[in-house]
Amino acid sequence: MSEAQRVRRRLSRRSAVLAVLGGGALLLASTALPWVTAPVRSAVQTSTVSASGSTGAALVPSAALVVLAAGLAIALAGRIARVVAAVAVALGGALAAFGVIELLRAPGSAVLAVARRNPTGSELDGAAELTPWPVVALVLAVLLVAVGVVLPFLMGDWDRVGQRYERDPSPVTGGTRQHVADWDALSRGEDPSEAEDR
């Protein structure tokens, strides 16, 4: 057995689905936290304003939702749809990484977008500071890209959901025929065990 076959056997559908859904959920949760803070001066006062990931990088939560939907598809769909869903996981991770990088290039813009909702007007009064969460989101996004790339090569042996409950289309064996004959004999009032004793 090759190393690839051993890896394929070790990776179950449950593990793959948990990896995708867990990564997507953590990525989405990270966007609710503050990603960047900065002092902002308005006509009234100077205060510290923070911008969450969903505000400063709106592409990231959307990409996380794509990943979560793809994880559900991997859990339920057949082989071809699973491959398409794995590609969607990789694309969702790539989009999320792009959104995070855009915020990292200009973190002050995210704070200004929040501060300018104030009708009195606002402007930055110092340098913007990043929290650890955009870095966490970037790492998660890159991991999701990697998961989406390798999944099509690791899930070829999974059964389709519900297949275990389908009737076996194999032909009736001799033993099954004997059981049917025994039931027929019972329905006629005969004892099939008497024939076996002869």
Protein backbone atom coordinates (compact mmCIF):
# COMPACT_ATOMS: atom_id res chain seq x y z
CA MET A 1 0.00 0.00 0.00
CA SER A 2 1.42 3.39 -1.00
CA GLU A 3 1.79 6.33 1.39
CA ALA A 4 -0.98 8.20 -0.47
CA GLN A 5 -3.38 5.27 0.05
CA ARG A 6 -2.54 5.15 3.76
CA VAL A 7 -3.23 8.89 4.13
CA ARG A 8 -6.48 8.52 2.21
CA ARG A 9 -7.65 5.78 4.53
CA ARG A 10 -6.74 7.83 7.61
CA LEU A 11 -8.76 10.89 6.51
CA SER A 12 -12.43 10.30 7.20
CA ARG A 13 -15.32 12.36 5.95
CA ARG A 14 -15.93 13.57 9.51
CA SER A 15 -12.35 14.82 9.87
CA ALA A 16 -12.50 16.70 6.58
CA VAL A 17 -15.86 18.28 7.36
CA LEU A 18 -14.77 19.30 10.87
CA ALA A 19 -11.58 20.85 9.47
CA VAL A 20 -13.49 22.90 6.90
CA LEU A 21 -16.38 23.93 9.17
CA GLY A 22 -14.07 24.63 12.09
CA GLY A 23 -11.77 26.78 9.97
CA GLY A 24 -14.67 28.66 8.42
CA ALA A 25 -16.36 29.23 11.79
CA LEU A 26 -13.14 30.50 13.41
CA LEU A 27 -12.50 32.80 10.47
CA LEU A 28 -16.02 34.20 10.68
CA ALA A 29 -15.79 34.61 14.46
CA SER A 30 -12.51 36.51 14.16
CA THR A 31 -14.18 39.17 12.02
CA ALA A 32 -16.43 40.16 14.93
CA LEU A 33 -13.40 41.18 17.00
CA PRO A 34 -11.45 44.47 16.78
CA TRP A 35 -8.72 44.28 14.15
CA VAL A 36 -7.33 47.80 14.26
CA THR A 37 -7.51 50.78 16.63
CA ALA A 38 -6.40 54.38 16.26
CA PRO A 39 -6.84 57.76 17.96
CA VAL A 40 -9.38 59.87 16.10
CA ARG A 41 -9.97 63.60 16.50
CA SER A 42 -13.38 65.06 15.85
CA ALA A 43 -14.74 68.59 16.24
CA VAL A 44 -15.79 67.69 19.77
CA GLN A 45 -13.11 65.42 21.22
CA THR A 46 -10.29 62.96 20.60
CA SER A 47 -11.02 59.31 21.22
CA THR A 48 -9.79 55.85 20.34
CA VAL A 49 -11.81 54.14 17.64
CA SER A 50 -11.60 50.46 16.71
CA ALA A 51 -12.68 48.69 13.56
CA SER A 52 -13.70 45.02 13.52
CA GLY A 53 -12.76 42.63 10.77
CA SER A 54 -16.25 42.71 9.32
CA THR A 55 -16.04 46.50 9.05
CA GLY A 56 -12.45 46.86 7.89
CA ALA A 57 -12.35 43.80 5.63
CA ALA A 58 -15.91 43.08 4.55
CA LEU A 59 -14.71 40.46 2.07
CA VAL A 60 -13.51 38.16 4.85
CA PRO A 61 -16.86 37.28 6.49
CA SER A 62 -18.38 36.71 3.06
CA ALA A 63 -15.55 34.33 2.19
CA ALA A 64 -16.00 32.55 5.52
CA LEU A 65 -19.67 31.94 4.70
CA VAL A 66 -18.63 30.43 1.36
CA VAL A 67 -16.29 28.08 3.22
CA LEU A 68 -19.04 27.04 5.66
CA ALA A 69 -21.46 26.31 2.81
CA ALA A 70 -18.78 24.27 1.05
CA GLY A 71 -18.19 22.30 4.26
CA LEU A 72 -21.86 21.33 4.37
CA ALA A 73 -21.68 20.25 0.73
CA ILE A 74 -18.66 18.05 1.50
CA ALA A 75 -20.65 16.45 4.32
CA LEU A 76 -23.66 15.58 2.15
CA ALA A 77 -22.79 15.48 -1.54
CA GLY A 78 -21.45 12.88 -3.94
CA ARG A 79 -17.89 12.74 -5.25
CA ILE A 80 -18.11 15.33 -8.05
CA ALA A 81 -19.94 17.86 -5.88
CA ARG A 82 -17.38 17.27 -3.10
CA VAL A 83 -14.54 18.15 -5.45
CA VAL A 84 -16.36 21.34 -6.48
CA ALA A 85 -16.93 22.15 -2.80
CA ALA A 86 -13.23 21.60 -2.03
CA VAL A 87 -12.34 24.07 -4.80
CA ALA A 88 -14.81 26.51 -3.20
CA VAL A 89 -13.01 26.09 0.13
CA ALA A 90 -9.69 27.01 -1.51
CA LEU A 91 -11.24 29.99 -3.29
CA GLY A 92 -12.94 31.17 -0.09
CA GLY A 93 -9.64 30.98 1.76
CA ALA A 94 -7.90 32.91 -1.03
CA LEU A 95 -10.55 35.65 -0.99
CA ALA A 96 -10.29 35.93 2.78
CA ALA A 97 -6.49 36.20 2.59
CA PHE A 98 -6.83 38.93 -0.03
CA GLY A 99 -9.24 40.86 2.19
CA VAL A 100 -6.93 40.63 5.20
CA ILE A 101 -3.89 41.73 3.18
CA GLU A 102 -5.82 44.75 1.87
CA LEU A 103 -6.58 45.80 5.44
CA LEU A 104 -2.96 45.26 6.52
CA ARG A 105 -1.81 47.56 3.72
CA ALA A 106 -3.98 50.46 4.95
CA PRO A 107 -5.27 49.85 8.49
CA GLY A 108 -6.02 53.50 9.06
CA SER A 109 -8.66 53.49 6.33
CA ALA A 110 -10.69 50.93 8.26
CA VAL A 111 -10.73 53.14 11.36
CA LEU A 112 -11.64 56.22 9.33
CA ALA A 113 -14.55 54.34 7.78
CA VAL A 114 -15.93 53.85 11.29
CA ALA A 115 -15.04 57.29 12.59
CA ARG A 116 -16.61 59.18 9.70
CA ARG A 117 -20.01 57.87 10.62
CA ASN A 118 -19.88 60.61 13.23
CA PRO A 119 -21.76 63.62 11.81
CA THR A 120 -19.23 66.06 13.28
CA GLY A 121 -16.46 64.70 11.08
CA SER A 122 -13.26 62.94 12.15
CA GLU A 123 -9.64 62.44 11.19
CA LEU A 124 -6.79 60.29 12.45
CA ASP A 125 -4.82 61.78 15.31
CA GLY A 126 -2.05 59.18 15.34
CA ALA A 127 -0.88 55.87 13.94
CA ALA A 128 -3.27 52.93 13.62
CA GLU A 129 -2.40 49.85 15.65
CA LEU A 130 -3.23 46.30 14.62
CA THR A 131 -4.53 43.69 17.04
CA PRO A 132 -3.47 40.03 16.63
CA TRP A 133 -6.79 39.06 15.01
CA PRO A 134 -6.03 39.99 11.39
CA VAL A 135 -2.89 37.84 11.57
CA VAL A 136 -4.95 34.97 13.00
CA ALA A 137 -7.47 35.42 10.18
CA LEU A 138 -4.69 35.40 7.58
CA VAL A 139 -3.26 32.15 8.97
CA LEU A 140 -6.73 30.56 8.94
CA ALA A 141 -7.30 31.72 5.38
CA VAL A 142 -4.02 30.21 4.19
CA LEU A 143 -4.79 26.93 5.98
CA LEU A 144 -8.21 26.81 4.29
CA VAL A 145 -6.55 27.27 0.91
CA ALA A 146 -4.27 24.32 1.69
CA VAL A 147 -7.19 22.17 2.89
CA GLY A 148 -9.20 22.95 -0.24
CA VAL A 149 -6.26 22.04 -2.48
CA VAL A 150 -5.49 18.65 -0.88
CA LEU A 151 -9.04 17.47 -0.15
CA PRO A 152 -9.87 16.22 -3.69
CA PHE A 153 -6.92 13.81 -3.43
CA LEU A 154 -7.92 12.47 -0.01
CA MET A 155 -11.64 11.80 -0.28
CA GLY A 156 -11.97 9.40 -3.19
CA ASP A 157 -12.90 6.37 -1.07
CA TRP A 158 -15.80 7.92 0.84
CA ASP A 159 -19.23 6.38 0.36
CA ARG A 160 -22.08 8.63 -0.71
CA VAL A 161 -24.25 9.67 2.24
CA GLY A 162 -27.19 7.28 2.52
CA GLN A 163 -25.52 4.54 0.51
CA ARG A 164 -25.33 2.26 3.52
CA TYR A 165 -29.15 2.28 3.71
CA GLU A 166 -29.75 1.32 0.07
CA ARG A 167 -30.78 -2.22 -0.90
CA ASP A 168 -28.02 -4.49 -2.11
CA PRO A 169 -28.62 -5.10 -5.83
CA SER A 170 -26.52 -8.30 -5.81
CA PRO A 171 -28.26 -11.49 -7.04
CA VAL A 172 -30.02 -13.78 -4.59
CA THR A 173 -27.65 -16.42 -3.21
CA GLY A 174 -28.43 -20.07 -2.71
CA GLY A 175 -28.81 -19.58 1.03
CA THR A 176 -31.32 -16.78 0.49
CA ARG A 177 -33.30 -18.95 -1.92
CA GLN A 178 -33.42 -21.71 0.74
CA HIS A 179 -34.79 -19.25 3.32
CA VAL A 180 -37.50 -18.15 0.87
CA ALA A 181 -38.38 -21.78 0.18
CA ASP A 182 -38.60 -22.46 3.92
CA TRP A 183 -41.02 -19.55 4.38
CA ASP A 184 -43.11 -20.80 1.47
CA ALA A 185 -43.24 -24.25 3.05
CA LEU A 186 -44.38 -22.77 6.37
CA SER A 187 -47.12 -20.82 4.62
CA ARG A 188 -48.38 -24.11 3.13
CA GLY A 189 -48.47 -25.65 6.63
CA GLU A 190 -45.38 -27.81 6.09
CA ASP A 191 -42.43 -28.17 8.42
CA PRO A 192 -39.22 -27.50 6.42
CA SER A 193 -37.05 -29.02 9.16
CA GLU A 194 -38.57 -32.47 8.43
CA ALA A 195 -37.05 -32.41 4.95
CA GLU A 196 -33.66 -31.56 6.41
CA ASP A 197 -33.88 -34.51 8.83
CA ARG A 198 -34.47 -37.02 6.07
